[in-house]
N, C-alpha and C. Protein backbone atom coordinates (compact mmCIF):
# COMPACT_ATOMS: atom_id res chain seq x y z
N MET A 1 -59.27 -73.67 112.42
CA MET A 1 -58.29 -73.26 111.61
C MET A 1 -57.00 -73.21 112.17
N GLN A 2 -55.95 -73.56 111.31
CA GLN A 2 -54.78 -73.69 111.68
C GLN A 2 -54.17 -72.16 111.39
N ALA A 3 -53.21 -71.85 112.21
CA ALA A 3 -52.55 -70.68 111.99
C ALA A 3 -51.07 -70.32 112.35
N ARG A 4 -50.38 -69.31 111.72
CA ARG A 4 -49.12 -69.25 111.76
C ARG A 4 -48.87 -67.73 112.20
N ILE A 5 -48.43 -67.39 113.33
CA ILE A 5 -48.28 -66.12 113.66
C ILE A 5 -46.40 -65.82 113.55
N THR A 6 -46.38 -64.82 112.96
CA THR A 6 -44.70 -64.41 112.88
C THR A 6 -44.69 -63.09 113.47
N VAL A 7 -43.72 -62.76 114.54
CA VAL A 7 -43.41 -61.57 114.95
C VAL A 7 -42.17 -61.29 114.77
N LEU A 8 -41.78 -60.01 114.27
CA LEU A 8 -40.43 -59.38 113.81
C LEU A 8 -40.19 -58.18 114.59
N PHE A 9 -38.76 -58.49 115.21
CA PHE A 9 -38.30 -57.56 115.91
C PHE A 9 -36.93 -57.05 115.04
N ASP A 10 -36.45 -55.72 115.50
CA ASP A 10 -35.03 -55.35 115.02
C ASP A 10 -33.83 -56.35 115.17
N SER A 11 -33.75 -56.52 116.44
CA SER A 11 -32.58 -57.31 116.77
C SER A 11 -32.68 -58.73 117.05
N ALA A 12 -33.77 -59.13 116.79
CA ALA A 12 -33.86 -60.92 116.94
C ALA A 12 -34.39 -61.46 115.65
N ALA A 13 -34.05 -62.87 115.77
CA ALA A 13 -34.58 -63.69 114.54
C ALA A 13 -36.10 -63.58 114.67
N PRO A 14 -36.97 -63.97 113.63
CA PRO A 14 -38.33 -63.78 113.48
C PRO A 14 -38.81 -64.89 114.53
N ILE A 15 -39.89 -64.60 115.08
CA ILE A 15 -40.66 -65.35 116.08
C ILE A 15 -41.55 -66.23 115.40
N GLU A 16 -41.64 -67.44 115.24
CA GLU A 16 -42.60 -68.34 114.44
C GLU A 16 -43.36 -68.97 115.27
N LEU A 17 -44.73 -68.61 115.36
CA LEU A 17 -45.67 -69.47 116.30
C LEU A 17 -46.58 -70.23 115.45
N GLN A 18 -46.81 -71.47 115.85
CA GLN A 18 -47.70 -72.48 115.08
C GLN A 18 -49.17 -72.76 115.94
N LEU A 19 -50.13 -72.79 115.45
CA LEU A 19 -51.37 -73.26 116.09
C LEU A 19 -52.11 -74.18 115.42
N ASP A 20 -52.83 -75.25 116.24
CA ASP A 20 -53.99 -75.99 115.41
C ASP A 20 -55.17 -75.36 115.75
N GLY A 21 -56.28 -75.66 115.00
CA GLY A 21 -57.48 -75.17 115.09
C GLY A 21 -58.24 -74.92 116.45
N ALA A 22 -57.80 -76.07 117.42
CA ALA A 22 -58.51 -76.01 118.68
C ALA A 22 -57.69 -74.91 119.51
N GLU A 23 -56.61 -74.53 119.18
CA GLU A 23 -55.89 -73.65 120.08
C GLU A 23 -56.40 -72.24 119.97
N VAL A 24 -56.85 -71.73 118.85
CA VAL A 24 -57.16 -70.17 118.45
C VAL A 24 -58.32 -69.96 119.38
N LEU A 25 -58.38 -68.84 119.99
CA LEU A 25 -59.19 -68.31 120.61
C LEU A 25 -60.33 -67.57 119.92
N SER A 26 -61.63 -67.76 120.58
CA SER A 26 -62.72 -66.93 119.98
C SER A 26 -62.66 -65.44 119.93
N PHE A 27 -63.30 -64.87 119.09
CA PHE A 27 -62.94 -63.58 119.00
C PHE A 27 -63.03 -62.55 120.25
N ASP A 28 -64.10 -62.87 121.11
CA ASP A 28 -64.35 -62.20 122.12
C ASP A 28 -63.13 -62.62 123.31
N ALA A 29 -62.80 -63.62 123.25
CA ALA A 29 -61.86 -64.05 124.33
C ALA A 29 -60.65 -63.43 123.70
N ALA A 30 -60.26 -63.34 122.54
CA ALA A 30 -59.05 -62.72 122.14
C ALA A 30 -58.96 -61.23 122.31
N ARG A 31 -60.03 -60.68 122.10
CA ARG A 31 -59.82 -59.28 122.36
C ARG A 31 -59.86 -59.15 123.95
N ARG A 32 -60.63 -59.87 124.67
CA ARG A 32 -60.44 -59.64 126.14
C ARG A 32 -58.94 -59.83 126.69
N TRP A 33 -58.14 -60.98 126.02
CA TRP A 33 -56.68 -61.20 126.38
C TRP A 33 -56.12 -60.12 126.09
N LEU A 34 -56.03 -59.45 124.70
CA LEU A 34 -55.38 -58.37 124.35
C LEU A 34 -55.52 -57.17 125.17
N ASP A 35 -57.00 -56.90 125.51
CA ASP A 35 -57.17 -55.66 126.47
C ASP A 35 -56.36 -55.68 127.68
N GLU A 36 -56.54 -56.92 128.15
CA GLU A 36 -55.64 -57.07 129.38
C GLU A 36 -54.10 -56.97 129.44
N ALA A 37 -53.71 -57.65 128.42
CA ALA A 37 -52.25 -57.73 128.27
C ALA A 37 -52.02 -56.08 127.98
N PHE A 38 -52.68 -55.30 127.24
CA PHE A 38 -52.55 -53.94 127.00
C PHE A 38 -52.41 -53.20 128.35
N VAL A 39 -53.20 -53.43 128.82
CA VAL A 39 -53.33 -52.74 130.44
C VAL A 39 -52.05 -53.16 131.09
N ARG A 40 -51.98 -54.51 131.45
CA ARG A 40 -51.07 -54.94 132.14
C ARG A 40 -49.55 -54.80 131.98
N LEU A 41 -49.32 -54.63 130.57
CA LEU A 41 -47.83 -54.11 130.07
C LEU A 41 -47.75 -52.47 129.98
N GLU A 42 -48.84 -51.87 130.42
CA GLU A 42 -48.91 -50.36 130.42
C GLU A 42 -48.42 -49.87 129.01
N CYS A 43 -49.13 -50.31 128.02
CA CYS A 43 -49.00 -49.79 126.73
C CYS A 43 -49.72 -48.41 126.48
N GLU A 44 -49.19 -47.84 125.58
CA GLU A 44 -49.92 -46.63 125.17
C GLU A 44 -50.40 -46.49 123.85
N PRO A 45 -51.43 -45.79 123.52
CA PRO A 45 -52.12 -45.66 122.29
C PRO A 45 -51.11 -45.02 121.26
N LEU A 46 -51.05 -45.74 120.11
CA LEU A 46 -50.16 -45.16 119.04
C LEU A 46 -50.98 -43.84 118.36
N ARG A 47 -51.98 -43.63 118.32
CA ARG A 47 -52.48 -42.64 117.55
C ARG A 47 -53.06 -41.47 118.53
N GLY A 48 -52.57 -40.24 118.07
CA GLY A 48 -52.92 -39.03 118.87
C GLY A 48 -54.55 -39.07 119.48
N SER A 49 -55.41 -39.66 118.76
CA SER A 49 -56.71 -39.40 119.08
C SER A 49 -57.05 -40.54 120.26
N GLY A 50 -56.08 -41.29 120.67
CA GLY A 50 -56.64 -42.19 121.87
C GLY A 50 -57.33 -43.32 121.28
N LYS A 51 -57.67 -43.40 119.96
CA LYS A 51 -58.31 -44.98 119.58
C LYS A 51 -57.27 -45.74 119.37
N VAL A 52 -57.63 -47.08 119.71
CA VAL A 52 -56.74 -48.21 119.83
C VAL A 52 -57.38 -49.26 118.82
N LEU A 53 -56.73 -49.62 118.15
CA LEU A 53 -57.29 -50.75 117.08
C LEU A 53 -56.57 -51.99 117.39
N LEU A 54 -57.28 -53.04 116.97
CA LEU A 54 -56.77 -54.31 117.28
C LEU A 54 -55.26 -54.52 116.90
N ALA A 55 -55.01 -54.24 115.68
CA ALA A 55 -53.56 -54.08 115.19
C ALA A 55 -52.67 -53.27 116.19
N ASP A 56 -53.08 -52.17 116.61
CA ASP A 56 -52.39 -51.35 117.40
C ASP A 56 -52.04 -52.16 118.55
N LYS A 57 -53.09 -52.94 119.27
CA LYS A 57 -52.71 -53.75 120.42
C LYS A 57 -51.78 -54.79 120.15
N LEU A 58 -51.91 -55.56 119.07
CA LEU A 58 -51.11 -56.61 118.62
C LEU A 58 -49.52 -56.16 118.77
N ILE A 59 -49.42 -54.99 118.09
CA ILE A 59 -48.08 -54.28 117.99
C ILE A 59 -47.69 -53.85 119.19
N GLN A 60 -48.40 -53.31 120.12
CA GLN A 60 -47.92 -52.52 121.24
C GLN A 60 -47.65 -53.65 122.27
N VAL A 61 -48.26 -54.56 122.53
CA VAL A 61 -48.24 -55.75 123.30
C VAL A 61 -47.01 -56.52 123.03
N ALA A 62 -46.70 -56.73 121.74
CA ALA A 62 -45.46 -57.43 121.36
C ALA A 62 -44.32 -56.65 121.49
N ALA A 63 -44.34 -55.13 121.42
CA ALA A 63 -43.38 -54.42 121.61
C ALA A 63 -43.02 -54.34 123.00
N ALA A 64 -44.11 -54.38 123.88
CA ALA A 64 -43.73 -54.18 125.40
C ALA A 64 -43.24 -55.46 125.86
N ALA A 65 -43.56 -56.66 125.38
CA ALA A 65 -43.12 -57.92 125.82
C ALA A 65 -41.79 -58.09 125.15
N GLY A 66 -41.49 -57.64 124.00
CA GLY A 66 -40.22 -57.94 123.34
C GLY A 66 -39.78 -59.35 123.21
N PRO A 67 -38.62 -59.53 122.68
CA PRO A 67 -38.05 -60.91 122.38
C PRO A 67 -38.07 -61.63 123.79
N ALA A 68 -37.70 -61.12 124.94
CA ALA A 68 -37.67 -61.73 126.12
C ALA A 68 -39.13 -62.35 126.57
N GLY A 69 -40.09 -61.52 126.11
CA GLY A 69 -41.53 -61.92 126.63
C GLY A 69 -41.90 -63.34 125.81
N PHE A 70 -41.40 -63.50 124.38
CA PHE A 70 -41.69 -64.40 123.60
C PHE A 70 -40.79 -65.70 123.90
N ALA A 71 -39.88 -65.53 124.79
CA ALA A 71 -39.14 -66.62 125.39
C ALA A 71 -39.97 -67.37 126.26
N ASP A 72 -40.88 -66.66 126.82
CA ASP A 72 -41.74 -67.74 127.60
C ASP A 72 -42.98 -68.27 126.73
N ALA A 73 -42.74 -69.61 126.59
CA ALA A 73 -43.46 -70.56 125.58
C ALA A 73 -44.95 -70.18 126.04
N ALA A 74 -45.37 -70.39 127.38
CA ALA A 74 -46.74 -70.24 127.79
C ALA A 74 -47.54 -68.96 127.20
N TRP A 75 -46.49 -67.75 127.34
CA TRP A 75 -46.96 -66.24 127.07
C TRP A 75 -47.26 -66.20 125.69
N ALA A 76 -46.15 -66.70 124.70
CA ALA A 76 -46.05 -66.78 123.47
C ALA A 76 -47.33 -67.37 122.87
N LEU A 77 -47.52 -68.38 123.45
CA LEU A 77 -48.75 -69.36 122.83
C LEU A 77 -50.06 -68.55 123.09
N ASP A 78 -50.27 -67.89 124.24
CA ASP A 78 -51.46 -67.25 124.44
C ASP A 78 -51.43 -65.96 123.64
N TYR A 79 -50.32 -65.46 123.25
CA TYR A 79 -50.27 -64.19 122.23
C TYR A 79 -50.85 -64.74 120.68
N ALA A 80 -50.19 -65.73 120.55
CA ALA A 80 -50.54 -66.36 119.18
C ALA A 80 -52.02 -66.76 119.12
N ARG A 81 -52.54 -67.42 120.17
CA ARG A 81 -53.89 -67.66 120.32
C ARG A 81 -54.83 -66.54 120.08
N ALA A 82 -54.46 -65.35 120.88
CA ALA A 82 -55.19 -64.05 120.72
C ALA A 82 -55.10 -63.48 119.17
N ALA A 83 -53.81 -63.48 118.83
CA ALA A 83 -53.78 -62.61 117.47
C ALA A 83 -54.59 -63.33 116.33
N ALA A 84 -54.48 -64.88 116.38
CA ALA A 84 -55.33 -65.58 115.43
C ALA A 84 -56.69 -65.27 115.72
N GLY A 85 -57.24 -65.42 116.77
CA GLY A 85 -58.63 -65.15 117.01
C GLY A 85 -59.15 -63.86 116.91
N ALA A 86 -58.21 -62.87 117.35
CA ALA A 86 -58.93 -61.37 117.19
C ALA A 86 -58.97 -61.08 115.56
N LEU A 87 -57.94 -61.76 114.76
CA LEU A 87 -57.90 -61.32 113.34
C LEU A 87 -58.67 -62.43 112.49
N SER A 88 -58.73 -63.52 112.97
CA SER A 88 -59.73 -64.64 112.14
C SER A 88 -58.93 -64.91 110.81
N LYS A 89 -57.49 -64.94 110.89
CA LYS A 89 -56.65 -65.22 109.83
C LYS A 89 -55.72 -66.09 110.15
N ALA A 90 -55.29 -67.10 109.10
CA ALA A 90 -54.61 -68.32 109.27
C ALA A 90 -52.95 -67.67 109.40
N LEU A 91 -52.70 -66.93 108.58
CA LEU A 91 -51.26 -66.21 108.54
C LEU A 91 -51.32 -64.72 108.85
N VAL A 92 -50.50 -64.47 110.06
CA VAL A 92 -50.44 -63.25 110.53
C VAL A 92 -49.08 -62.76 110.57
N LYS A 93 -48.36 -61.57 110.22
CA LYS A 93 -47.11 -61.28 110.51
C LYS A 93 -47.42 -59.66 111.17
N ILE A 94 -46.68 -59.82 112.64
CA ILE A 94 -46.57 -58.35 113.15
C ILE A 94 -45.21 -57.94 113.19
N ASP A 95 -44.97 -56.83 112.36
CA ASP A 95 -43.82 -56.05 112.31
C ASP A 95 -43.44 -55.06 113.24
N VAL A 96 -42.97 -55.41 114.40
CA VAL A 96 -42.80 -54.28 115.54
C VAL A 96 -42.24 -53.05 114.89
N PRO A 97 -41.03 -53.10 114.33
CA PRO A 97 -40.51 -51.83 113.90
C PRO A 97 -41.01 -51.07 113.03
N ARG A 98 -41.74 -51.78 112.08
CA ARG A 98 -42.41 -51.01 111.03
C ARG A 98 -43.96 -50.81 111.56
N LEU A 99 -44.22 -51.10 112.81
CA LEU A 99 -45.55 -50.81 113.25
C LEU A 99 -46.70 -51.32 112.14
N ALA A 100 -46.59 -52.47 111.79
CA ALA A 100 -47.36 -53.25 110.87
C ALA A 100 -47.98 -54.44 111.16
N VAL A 101 -49.35 -54.76 110.88
CA VAL A 101 -49.74 -55.96 110.91
C VAL A 101 -50.14 -56.52 109.43
N SER A 102 -49.88 -57.54 109.02
CA SER A 102 -50.20 -57.97 107.56
C SER A 102 -50.58 -59.67 107.76
N TYR A 103 -51.74 -59.81 106.84
CA TYR A 103 -52.03 -61.12 106.90
C TYR A 103 -52.63 -61.45 105.35
């Protein structure tokens, strides 16, 4: 599956990441990468209940990394691979300011 991941921030141009099918992580590997990044970047749950959805992890990890984090091409590729694998979608848009994930 080819995939295109778009990440939006308030103060920066949209970040477009393209993947071919071989680059997309499996669901389990994608979830593991997001879990590790969520902890490593010291992200906090968005919901008062403490429940953290995959979409929440995608938003919080992107927000914690910021545009500067996506400037690291290797890290940005890993994020895109995890996003595509976790959601199993070819087109994914992560809108950080609006706290929204669409596909």
